[in-house]
Amino acid sequence: MYDGGAIRVFRSTLLLHRTTIAHNQAGSSGGGLSLSLDATLTMTHSLVQANRAWLGGGISMGRNSNAVFEDDTFKNNYARTG
C-alpha cells in the first residue's frame, strides 16, 4: 500500500472515460489515483468514490502533473491530511 491505491500514473498520459474508481486504499497518497512526475490525466464522466489515503483520498497530484476533469463525481473520499 503506497501511492495510487487503484492506479499510479508516472511520467505517462492516461485517459479515463466512464470509469469507476472505488473502495481503494493507499498507505501514502492517492487512495484512488496518484499522478507523479509529469503525469497527465484526462477524466470524463467518471466516478471516484470511497477511497482512502494519508494524503489525497481520491486523487493526489505530484510535481508537474496535470489533470482535466469533465462531468466527473468525487464523493466520500477520505484523507488524513491535504
Protein backbone atom coordinates (compact mmCIF):
# COMPACT_ATOMS: atom_id res chain seq x y z
CA MET A 1 0.00 0.00 0.00
CA TYR A 2 1.90 3.03 -1.25
CA ASP A 3 0.89 5.63 -3.85
CA GLY A 4 -2.18 5.11 -6.00
CA GLY A 5 -4.46 2.52 -4.43
CA ALA A 6 -6.03 1.70 -7.81
CA ILE A 7 -3.87 3.48 -10.40
CA ARG A 8 -0.46 5.15 -10.35
CA VAL A 9 0.49 7.29 -13.35
CA PHE A 10 4.22 8.04 -13.57
CA ARG A 11 5.60 10.10 -16.48
CA SER A 12 2.69 8.93 -18.63
CA THR A 13 -0.66 10.06 -20.02
CA LEU A 14 -3.93 8.40 -19.04
CA LEU A 15 -7.45 8.87 -20.41
CA LEU A 16 -10.38 7.58 -18.32
CA HIS A 17 -13.94 7.65 -19.71
CA ARG A 18 -16.98 6.30 -17.87
CA THR A 19 -14.75 4.71 -15.24
CA THR A 20 -15.42 3.95 -11.57
CA ILE A 21 -12.54 4.05 -9.10
CA ALA A 22 -13.94 3.00 -5.74
CA HIS A 23 -13.05 1.38 -2.41
CA ASN A 24 -9.25 1.56 -2.77
CA GLN A 25 -6.63 2.43 -0.19
CA ALA A 26 -3.07 3.77 -0.31
CA GLY A 27 -0.70 3.96 2.63
CA SER A 28 0.80 7.24 1.45
CA SER A 29 -1.05 9.28 -1.19
CA GLY A 30 -3.76 8.94 -3.79
CA GLY A 31 -6.24 6.44 -2.45
CA GLY A 32 -7.82 6.14 -5.89
CA LEU A 33 -5.26 7.69 -8.25
CA SER A 34 -1.75 9.04 -7.90
CA LEU A 35 -0.21 11.27 -10.57
CA SER A 36 3.52 11.86 -10.30
CA LEU A 37 6.42 13.38 -12.24
CA ASP A 38 4.99 14.81 -15.46
CA ALA A 39 1.84 12.65 -15.44
CA THR A 40 -1.24 13.79 -17.36
CA LEU A 41 -4.80 12.68 -16.69
CA THR A 42 -7.96 13.38 -18.67
CA MET A 43 -11.06 12.04 -16.98
CA THR A 44 -14.63 12.31 -18.30
CA HIS A 45 -17.99 11.08 -16.99
CA SER A 46 -16.31 9.08 -14.22
CA LEU A 47 -16.79 8.39 -10.51
CA VAL A 48 -14.13 8.48 -7.76
CA GLN A 49 -15.74 7.26 -4.53
CA ALA A 50 -14.85 5.88 -1.08
CA ASN A 51 -11.07 5.83 -1.49
CA ARG A 52 -8.68 6.39 1.44
CA ALA A 53 -5.11 7.62 1.88
CA TRP A 54 -2.95 9.69 4.20
CA LEU A 55 -2.82 12.49 1.59
CA GLY A 56 -5.30 12.90 -1.27
CA GLY A 57 -8.08 10.43 -0.54
CA GLY A 58 -9.46 10.39 -4.09
CA ILE A 59 -6.55 11.74 -6.14
CA SER A 60 -3.09 13.11 -5.40
CA MET A 61 -1.07 15.11 -7.91
CA GLY A 62 2.68 15.40 -7.74
CA ARG A 63 5.27 17.61 -9.35
CA ASN A 64 4.50 18.88 -12.87
CA SER A 65 1.35 16.75 -13.14
CA ASN A 66 -1.77 17.97 -14.93
CA ALA A 67 -5.39 16.88 -14.93
CA VAL A 68 -8.54 17.78 -16.83
CA PHE A 69 -11.89 16.76 -15.35
CA GLU A 70 -15.18 16.85 -17.26
CA ASP A 71 -18.50 15.88 -15.69
CA ASP A 72 -16.91 13.70 -13.00
CA THR A 73 -18.17 12.90 -9.49
CA PHE A 74 -15.95 12.76 -6.41
CA LYS A 75 -17.63 11.65 -3.19
CA ASN A 76 -16.90 10.14 0.19
CA ASN A 77 -13.12 10.01 -0.28
CA TYR A 78 -11.05 10.34 2.89
CA ALA A 79 -7.57 11.73 3.62
CA ARG A 80 -5.93 12.31 6.99
CA THR A 81 -4.35 15.48 5.63
CA GLY A 82 -4.44 17.59 2.44
